[in-house]
């Protein structure tokens, strides 16, 4: 999938990809190491495959693209409130654009993270998103640019007139997910279930393939899900 995306982008732009900023959701805190060792490695392998198999790239001497990989989480228990009610919005929440990158963030030096409250709640409590930077080759050692970029991407979701809670590419990725309502939950339940003996049920890729609803080829290259 990643290889196809890189090739498609280079074909459209008629130029080699120089930077890749990858937003990933649906990852728990206990899966960070697994994502780093498997998913990031797979992306690197896809990049190597494209570069090694493209005569134009080799002849042009284009360097391999730099990669930044960010996990975005909503399922956490951290709530942000203004220290002074006068500094809040009309619902009493922190105004959109608030970033927290110290104090409550990861204490480990090899993982940089921050909380970004990118939207204003219409009612109730606004919930921030937790951004965990597992790899940052594009802006090494500096998450401030990633904070600004992530906030900007929360404003470009075409169906909304306000900023959304996560970057638009993640929202679009969810909407292009081709499974009928309820099917995904059933498949995930089967993947995480256990047998009577306590053994974990193996992942069934064929079941996911059978449930996948492919799109009409005429829609290729368009953002039909909007």
Protein backbone atom coordinates (compact mmCIF):
# COMPACT_ATOMS: atom_id res chain seq x y z
CA UNK A 1 0.00 0.00 0.00
CA UNK A 2 2.75 2.45 0.91
CA UNK A 3 4.71 1.62 -2.20
CA UNK A 4 1.65 2.26 -4.38
CA UNK A 5 1.03 5.59 -2.64
CA UNK A 6 4.61 6.76 -3.23
CA UNK A 7 4.54 5.73 -6.89
CA UNK A 8 1.15 7.39 -7.43
CA UNK A 9 2.29 10.66 -5.83
CA UNK A 10 5.48 10.76 -7.87
CA UNK A 11 3.53 10.05 -11.06
CA UNK A 12 1.11 12.90 -10.37
CA UNK A 13 3.78 15.41 -9.38
CA UNK A 14 6.31 14.22 -11.95
CA UNK A 15 8.98 14.49 -9.31
CA UNK A 16 10.53 12.39 -6.58
CA UNK A 17 9.03 12.49 -3.10
CA UNK A 18 11.30 14.37 -0.70
CA UNK A 19 9.39 14.27 2.60
CA UNK A 20 6.75 11.97 4.09
CA UNK A 21 4.79 12.97 7.20
CA UNK A 22 2.71 10.00 8.29
CA UNK A 23 -0.18 10.39 10.75
CA UNK A 24 -1.37 7.16 12.37
CA UNK A 25 -4.35 6.68 14.67
CA UNK A 26 -5.77 3.69 16.49
CA UNK A 27 -2.58 2.88 18.41
CA UNK A 28 -2.48 2.27 22.16
CA UNK A 29 0.45 3.25 24.37
CA UNK A 30 1.53 -0.37 24.65
CA UNK A 31 1.89 -0.68 20.87
CA UNK A 32 4.45 2.07 20.25
CA UNK A 33 7.41 -0.31 20.10
CA UNK A 34 5.51 -2.64 17.79
CA UNK A 35 4.63 0.21 15.43
CA UNK A 36 8.26 1.37 15.38
CA UNK A 37 9.64 -2.09 14.67
CA UNK A 38 7.01 -3.18 12.13
CA UNK A 39 5.12 -0.31 10.50
CA UNK A 40 7.94 2.21 10.28
CA UNK A 41 10.23 -0.54 9.02
CA UNK A 42 7.64 -1.44 6.36
CA UNK A 43 7.47 2.17 5.19
CA UNK A 44 11.27 2.29 4.98
CA UNK A 45 11.25 -0.95 2.99
CA UNK A 46 8.65 0.49 0.60
CA UNK A 47 10.81 3.57 0.06
CA UNK A 48 13.87 1.41 -0.61
CA UNK A 49 11.87 -0.73 -3.02
CA UNK A 50 10.68 2.27 -5.03
CA UNK A 51 14.14 3.86 -5.14
CA UNK A 52 15.88 0.62 -6.11
CA UNK A 53 13.38 -0.24 -8.85
CA UNK A 54 13.05 3.17 -10.54
CA UNK A 55 15.63 3.93 -13.25
CA UNK A 56 14.55 7.59 -13.38
CA UNK A 57 15.20 8.07 -9.67
CA UNK A 58 18.55 6.33 -9.89
CA UNK A 59 19.61 8.36 -12.94
CA UNK A 60 18.51 11.59 -11.29
CA UNK A 61 20.36 10.80 -8.09
CA UNK A 62 17.39 11.79 -5.94
CA UNK A 63 17.89 11.17 -2.21
CA UNK A 64 15.41 9.00 -0.37
CA UNK A 65 12.61 10.94 1.33
CA UNK A 66 12.82 11.83 4.99
CA UNK A 67 10.12 10.30 7.17
CA UNK A 68 8.23 11.64 10.17
CA UNK A 69 5.79 9.27 11.87
CA UNK A 70 3.20 10.61 14.33
CA UNK A 71 0.66 8.63 16.33
CA UNK A 72 -2.52 10.57 17.11
CA UNK A 73 -4.66 9.36 19.99
CA UNK A 74 -8.06 10.47 21.30
CA UNK A 75 -8.62 7.74 23.87
CA UNK A 76 -6.79 9.19 26.83
CA UNK A 77 -7.83 10.59 30.20
CA UNK A 78 -6.16 13.99 30.03
CA UNK A 79 -8.49 17.00 30.11
CA UNK A 80 -7.31 20.58 29.65
CA UNK A 81 -8.96 23.54 31.36
CA UNK A 82 -8.00 27.24 31.48
CA UNK A 83 -6.34 28.28 34.74
CA UNK A 84 -8.36 31.48 34.59
CA UNK A 85 -12.03 31.32 33.45
CA UNK A 86 -11.49 34.59 31.61
CA UNK A 87 -9.03 32.80 29.36
CA UNK A 88 -11.55 30.21 28.20
CA UNK A 89 -14.01 30.25 25.33
CA UNK A 90 -17.78 30.65 25.63
CA UNK A 91 -18.18 27.04 26.84
CA UNK A 92 -15.49 27.41 29.51
CA UNK A 93 -12.96 25.29 27.63
CA UNK A 94 -9.48 26.23 26.54
CA UNK A 95 -9.60 28.05 23.19
CA UNK A 96 -8.75 26.08 20.07
CA UNK A 97 -5.04 26.05 19.35
CA UNK A 98 -3.82 25.36 22.88
CA UNK A 99 -0.74 23.11 22.96
CA UNK A 100 0.76 21.41 26.03
CA UNK A 101 4.25 20.01 25.46
CA UNK A 102 5.69 19.98 29.00
CA UNK A 103 4.74 18.72 32.44
CA UNK A 104 2.31 15.97 31.47
CA UNK A 105 4.15 14.62 28.44
CA UNK A 106 6.32 11.51 28.08
CA UNK A 107 9.38 11.56 30.38
CA UNK A 108 11.46 9.43 28.01
CA UNK A 109 13.93 11.35 25.80
CA UNK A 110 13.48 9.03 22.80
CA UNK A 111 9.76 9.84 22.43
CA UNK A 112 8.53 13.40 21.96
CA UNK A 113 4.84 14.12 22.39
CA UNK A 114 2.35 16.92 22.89
CA UNK A 115 -1.35 17.54 23.47
CA UNK A 116 -3.18 19.72 20.96
CA UNK A 117 -6.69 21.08 21.47
CA UNK A 118 -7.50 21.93 17.87
CA UNK A 119 -11.27 22.43 18.02
CA UNK A 120 -13.89 24.21 20.09
CA UNK A 121 -16.65 22.11 21.59
CA UNK A 122 -20.17 23.24 20.79
CA UNK A 123 -21.27 21.89 24.16
CA UNK A 124 -19.54 20.02 26.99
CA UNK A 125 -15.82 19.49 27.49
CA UNK A 126 -13.35 19.77 24.63
CA UNK A 127 -11.04 16.77 24.37
CA UNK A 128 -7.51 17.27 23.13
CA UNK A 129 -5.64 14.86 20.88
CA UNK A 130 -2.37 13.29 22.00
CA UNK A 131 0.40 13.40 19.39
CA UNK A 132 3.32 11.00 19.87
CA UNK A 133 6.27 11.48 17.52
CA UNK A 134 7.88 8.08 17.02
CA UNK A 135 10.24 9.25 14.26
CA UNK A 136 11.11 12.76 13.11
CA UNK A 137 13.57 12.96 10.22
CA UNK A 138 11.86 15.93 8.56
CA UNK A 139 12.19 18.31 11.53
CA UNK A 140 14.69 16.53 13.81
CA UNK A 141 14.66 17.66 17.42
CA UNK A 142 11.89 20.22 16.90
CA UNK A 143 8.23 19.42 17.53
CA UNK A 144 7.05 23.03 17.38
CA UNK A 145 6.76 22.90 13.60
CA UNK A 146 4.82 19.64 13.89
CA UNK A 147 2.48 21.30 16.38
CA UNK A 148 1.80 24.13 13.95
CA UNK A 149 1.45 21.77 10.99
CA UNK A 150 -0.94 19.48 12.85
CA UNK A 151 -3.10 22.41 13.92
CA UNK A 152 -3.16 23.78 10.36
CA UNK A 153 -4.24 20.39 9.00
CA UNK A 154 -7.20 20.43 11.40
CA UNK A 155 -8.54 23.41 9.41
CA UNK A 156 -8.56 21.89 5.92
CA UNK A 157 -11.29 19.27 6.26
CA UNK A 158 -13.58 20.30 3.39
CA UNK A 159 -16.87 19.18 4.96
CA UNK A 160 -16.46 21.27 8.11
CA UNK A 161 -16.70 25.03 8.55
CA UNK A 162 -14.71 24.80 11.80
CA UNK A 163 -11.47 23.13 12.78
CA UNK A 164 -11.77 19.43 13.62
CA UNK A 165 -10.24 17.42 16.45
CA UNK A 166 -7.63 15.53 14.39
CA UNK A 167 -5.72 16.37 11.19
CA UNK A 168 -7.82 16.16 8.03
CA UNK A 169 -5.78 13.30 6.45
CA UNK A 170 -6.82 11.06 9.36
CA UNK A 171 -10.49 12.00 8.95
CA UNK A 172 -10.32 11.33 5.21
CA UNK A 173 -8.57 8.02 5.85
CA UNK A 174 -11.41 6.93 8.10
CA UNK A 175 -14.07 7.96 5.59
CA UNK A 176 -12.43 6.00 2.79
CA UNK A 177 -12.60 2.86 4.93
CA UNK A 178 -14.73 0.48 2.87
CA UNK A 179 -16.51 -1.67 5.42
CA UNK A 180 -20.25 -1.74 6.05
CA UNK A 181 -21.42 -0.42 9.45
CA UNK A 182 -20.98 -3.07 12.11
CA UNK A 183 -18.74 -5.28 9.99
CA UNK A 184 -15.51 -3.77 11.31
CA UNK A 185 -16.55 -4.28 14.94
CA UNK A 186 -17.39 -7.90 14.21
CA UNK A 187 -14.06 -8.52 12.49
CA UNK A 188 -12.10 -6.89 15.30
CA UNK A 189 -13.99 -8.93 17.88
CA UNK A 190 -13.02 -12.11 16.07
CA UNK A 191 -9.38 -11.01 15.90
CA UNK A 192 -9.16 -10.27 19.62
CA UNK A 193 -11.21 -13.21 20.81
CA UNK A 194 -9.78 -16.26 22.54
CA UNK A 195 -10.61 -19.90 22.39
CA UNK A 196 -11.85 -21.94 25.33
CA UNK A 197 -8.31 -23.10 25.92
CA UNK A 198 -7.12 -19.52 26.28
CA UNK A 199 -5.14 -19.45 23.04
CA UNK A 200 -5.37 -16.31 20.93
CA UNK A 201 -7.31 -16.65 17.69
CA UNK A 202 -4.96 -16.06 14.72
CA UNK A 203 -5.52 -13.00 12.55
CA UNK A 204 -7.76 -13.87 9.58
CA UNK A 205 -6.74 -11.64 6.67
CA UNK A 206 -9.09 -13.44 4.26
CA UNK A 207 -12.11 -12.41 6.34
CA UNK A 208 -11.09 -8.76 6.06
CA UNK A 209 -10.53 -9.09 2.32
CA UNK A 210 -13.95 -10.69 1.85
CA UNK A 211 -15.68 -7.88 3.78
CA UNK A 212 -13.88 -5.09 1.93
CA UNK A 213 -16.04 -3.14 -0.52
CA UNK A 214 -13.96 -1.90 -3.44
CA UNK A 215 -14.73 1.41 -5.12
CA UNK A 216 -15.66 2.03 -8.73
CA UNK A 217 -12.54 2.49 -10.85
CA UNK A 218 -13.95 5.76 -12.20
CA UNK A 219 -13.52 7.22 -8.72
CA UNK A 220 -9.79 6.56 -8.60
CA UNK A 221 -7.79 9.68 -7.89
CA UNK A 222 -10.74 11.63 -6.51
CA UNK A 223 -11.79 12.42 -2.95
CA UNK A 224 -15.19 10.79 -3.50
CA UNK A 225 -15.71 10.22 0.24
CA UNK A 226 -16.22 13.95 0.79
